[in-house]
Amino acid sequence: MEETVEFVDFALNKWREKRNAAFIAHNLNRDEVYASGDFDSLPTECLVAACYVDAYAYVQSKIRSNTE
């Protein structure tokens, strides 16, 4: 189980870096986009990265809730 936790943590951090870089490359404010919930107009690169971050964060939260 520890290897899974490490992989999810690693993947989540990498996708956060990719998401942040994509938002910067497209001159978008990540916090404003998340606050508004307007994901429909995002460039594909930003949307994909945001989805992966959300997916890995969900998996991470489920792992943590099962180990507590």
N, C-alpha and C. Protein backbone atom coordinates (compact mmCIF):
# COMPACT_ATOMS: atom_id res chain seq x y z
N MET A 1 0.82 -1.19 0.00
CA MET A 1 0.00 0.00 0.00
C MET A 1 0.87 1.26 0.00
N GLU A 2 2.01 1.20 0.65
CA GLU A 2 2.90 2.37 0.73
C GLU A 2 3.36 2.82 -0.66
N GLU A 3 3.63 1.86 -1.54
CA GLU A 3 4.05 2.22 -2.90
C GLU A 3 2.94 2.96 -3.64
N THR A 4 1.71 2.55 -3.41
CA THR A 4 0.57 3.23 -4.04
C THR A 4 0.46 4.66 -3.54
N VAL A 5 0.60 4.84 -2.24
CA VAL A 5 0.53 6.17 -1.65
C VAL A 5 1.62 7.06 -2.23
N GLU A 6 2.82 6.53 -2.32
CA GLU A 6 3.94 7.29 -2.87
C GLU A 6 3.70 7.66 -4.33
N PHE A 7 3.17 6.70 -5.11
CA PHE A 7 2.90 6.98 -6.52
C PHE A 7 1.84 8.07 -6.67
N VAL A 8 0.77 7.97 -5.91
CA VAL A 8 -0.31 8.96 -6.01
C VAL A 8 0.22 10.34 -5.61
N ASP A 9 1.00 10.41 -4.55
CA ASP A 9 1.59 11.69 -4.13
C ASP A 9 2.48 12.27 -5.23
N PHE A 10 3.31 11.41 -5.82
CA PHE A 10 4.21 11.83 -6.89
C PHE A 10 3.41 12.32 -8.10
N ALA A 11 2.44 11.53 -8.53
CA ALA A 11 1.64 11.89 -9.70
C ALA A 11 0.86 13.18 -9.46
N LEU A 12 0.29 13.33 -8.27
CA LEU A 12 -0.46 14.53 -7.95
C LEU A 12 0.43 15.77 -8.02
N ASN A 13 1.62 15.68 -7.48
CA ASN A 13 2.55 16.81 -7.53
C ASN A 13 2.95 17.14 -8.97
N LYS A 14 3.21 16.12 -9.78
CA LYS A 14 3.59 16.35 -11.19
C LYS A 14 2.44 17.00 -11.96
N TRP A 15 1.22 16.53 -11.74
CA TRP A 15 0.07 17.11 -12.45
C TRP A 15 -0.23 18.51 -11.96
N ARG A 16 0.01 18.79 -10.70
CA ARG A 16 -0.16 20.17 -10.21
C ARG A 16 0.84 21.10 -10.90
N GLU A 17 2.07 20.63 -11.07
CA GLU A 17 3.08 21.42 -11.79
C GLU A 17 2.64 21.67 -13.23
N LYS A 18 2.15 20.62 -13.90
CA LYS A 18 1.70 20.76 -15.28
C LYS A 18 0.50 21.70 -15.37
N ARG A 19 -0.45 21.57 -14.42
CA ARG A 19 -1.62 22.44 -14.42
C ARG A 19 -1.20 23.89 -14.24
N ASN A 20 -0.35 24.14 -13.26
CA ASN A 20 0.09 25.51 -12.99
C ASN A 20 0.82 26.09 -14.19
N ALA A 21 1.68 25.30 -14.81
CA ALA A 21 2.41 25.78 -15.99
C ALA A 21 1.46 26.06 -17.15
N ALA A 22 0.45 25.21 -17.32
CA ALA A 22 -0.51 25.42 -18.41
C ALA A 22 -1.32 26.69 -18.19
N PHE A 23 -1.74 26.92 -16.96
CA PHE A 23 -2.51 28.13 -16.67
C PHE A 23 -1.65 29.37 -16.91
N ILE A 24 -0.40 29.32 -16.51
CA ILE A 24 0.51 30.45 -16.73
C ILE A 24 0.74 30.66 -18.22
N ALA A 25 0.94 29.58 -18.96
CA ALA A 25 1.20 29.68 -20.40
C ALA A 25 0.02 30.32 -21.14
N HIS A 26 -1.18 30.15 -20.61
CA HIS A 26 -2.38 30.70 -21.25
C HIS A 26 -2.88 31.97 -20.55
N ASN A 27 -2.02 32.52 -19.69
CA ASN A 27 -2.36 33.76 -18.97
C ASN A 27 -3.69 33.67 -18.22
N LEU A 28 -3.89 32.55 -17.55
CA LEU A 28 -5.12 32.34 -16.78
C LEU A 28 -4.79 32.33 -15.30
N ASN A 29 -5.69 32.86 -14.51
CA ASN A 29 -5.54 32.84 -13.06
C ASN A 29 -6.26 31.60 -12.53
N ARG A 30 -5.49 30.65 -12.07
CA ARG A 30 -6.03 29.37 -11.62
C ARG A 30 -7.09 29.55 -10.53
N ASP A 31 -6.80 30.38 -9.54
CA ASP A 31 -7.73 30.57 -8.43
C ASP A 31 -9.05 31.15 -8.90
N GLU A 32 -8.99 32.09 -9.84
CA GLU A 32 -10.23 32.68 -10.37
C GLU A 32 -11.05 31.66 -11.15
N VAL A 33 -10.37 30.83 -11.94
CA VAL A 33 -11.07 29.81 -12.72
C VAL A 33 -11.76 28.82 -11.77
N TYR A 34 -11.04 28.35 -10.76
CA TYR A 34 -11.63 27.41 -9.81
C TYR A 34 -12.78 28.05 -9.04
N ALA A 35 -12.63 29.32 -8.67
CA ALA A 35 -13.69 30.01 -7.91
C ALA A 35 -14.94 30.19 -8.76
N SER A 36 -14.76 30.49 -10.05
CA SER A 36 -15.91 30.72 -10.92
C SER A 36 -16.53 29.41 -11.40
N GLY A 37 -15.73 28.35 -11.43
CA GLY A 37 -16.21 27.06 -11.92
C GLY A 37 -16.38 27.01 -13.43
N ASP A 38 -15.82 27.98 -14.13
CA ASP A 38 -15.95 28.07 -15.58
C ASP A 38 -14.83 27.27 -16.26
N PHE A 39 -15.04 25.96 -16.36
CA PHE A 39 -14.04 25.10 -16.96
C PHE A 39 -14.33 24.85 -18.45
N ASP A 40 -15.53 25.22 -18.90
CA ASP A 40 -15.92 24.95 -20.29
C ASP A 40 -15.07 25.69 -21.31
N SER A 41 -14.59 26.86 -20.94
CA SER A 41 -13.84 27.66 -21.91
C SER A 41 -12.32 27.51 -21.78
N LEU A 42 -11.87 26.59 -20.94
CA LEU A 42 -10.43 26.40 -20.76
C LEU A 42 -9.80 25.76 -21.98
N PRO A 43 -8.56 26.14 -22.28
CA PRO A 43 -7.82 25.40 -23.31
C PRO A 43 -7.67 23.94 -22.88
N THR A 44 -7.61 23.06 -23.84
CA THR A 44 -7.56 21.62 -23.56
C THR A 44 -6.45 21.26 -22.58
N GLU A 45 -5.28 21.82 -22.77
CA GLU A 45 -4.13 21.53 -21.91
C GLU A 45 -4.45 21.84 -20.45
N CYS A 46 -5.11 22.94 -20.20
CA CYS A 46 -5.47 23.34 -18.84
C CYS A 46 -6.53 22.43 -18.27
N LEU A 47 -7.53 22.10 -19.09
CA LEU A 47 -8.62 21.26 -18.63
C LEU A 47 -8.15 19.86 -18.29
N VAL A 48 -7.32 19.28 -19.14
CA VAL A 48 -6.80 17.94 -18.88
C VAL A 48 -6.00 17.91 -17.59
N ALA A 49 -5.13 18.88 -17.42
CA ALA A 49 -4.30 18.93 -16.21
C ALA A 49 -5.17 19.13 -14.97
N ALA A 50 -6.17 19.99 -15.04
CA ALA A 50 -7.07 20.21 -13.91
C ALA A 50 -7.82 18.94 -13.56
N CYS A 51 -8.25 18.20 -14.57
CA CYS A 51 -8.97 16.94 -14.33
C CYS A 51 -8.08 15.90 -13.66
N TYR A 52 -6.84 15.79 -14.12
CA TYR A 52 -5.92 14.84 -13.50
C TYR A 52 -5.61 15.22 -12.06
N VAL A 53 -5.44 16.51 -11.80
CA VAL A 53 -5.20 16.95 -10.42
C VAL A 53 -6.39 16.57 -9.55
N ASP A 54 -7.59 16.84 -10.02
CA ASP A 54 -8.78 16.52 -9.24
C ASP A 54 -8.90 15.01 -9.02
N ALA A 55 -8.61 14.23 -10.05
CA ALA A 55 -8.72 12.78 -9.94
C ALA A 55 -7.70 12.22 -8.94
N TYR A 56 -6.45 12.63 -9.06
CA TYR A 56 -5.44 12.14 -8.12
C TYR A 56 -5.69 12.64 -6.70
N ALA A 57 -6.20 13.86 -6.56
CA ALA A 57 -6.52 14.37 -5.23
C ALA A 57 -7.65 13.56 -4.60
N TYR A 58 -8.60 13.15 -5.42
CA TYR A 58 -9.70 12.32 -4.92
C TYR A 58 -9.16 10.96 -4.46
N VAL A 59 -8.32 10.34 -5.27
CA VAL A 59 -7.73 9.05 -4.90
C VAL A 59 -6.92 9.19 -3.61
N GLN A 60 -6.15 10.25 -3.52
CA GLN A 60 -5.34 10.49 -2.33
C GLN A 60 -6.24 10.63 -1.09
N SER A 61 -7.33 11.35 -1.20
CA SER A 61 -8.22 11.53 -0.06
C SER A 61 -8.88 10.21 0.33
N LYS A 62 -9.22 9.37 -0.64
CA LYS A 62 -9.82 8.07 -0.32
C LYS A 62 -8.81 7.16 0.37
N ILE A 63 -7.58 7.18 -0.09
CA ILE A 63 -6.54 6.35 0.54
C ILE A 63 -6.35 6.81 1.99
N ARG A 64 -6.25 8.11 2.18
CA ARG A 64 -6.04 8.63 3.53
C ARG A 64 -7.21 8.32 4.46
N SER A 65 -8.43 8.41 3.92
CA SER A 65 -9.60 8.14 4.77
C SER A 65 -9.69 6.65 5.14
N ASN A 66 -9.16 5.78 4.29
CA ASN A 66 -9.18 4.34 4.58
C ASN A 66 -8.06 3.92 5.53
N THR A 67 -7.03 4.74 5.65
CA THR A 67 -5.91 4.36 6.51
C THR A 67 -5.99 5.01 7.89
N GLU A 68 -6.97 5.86 8.09
CA GLU A 68 -7.09 6.54 9.39
C GLU A 68 -7.95 5.74 10.34
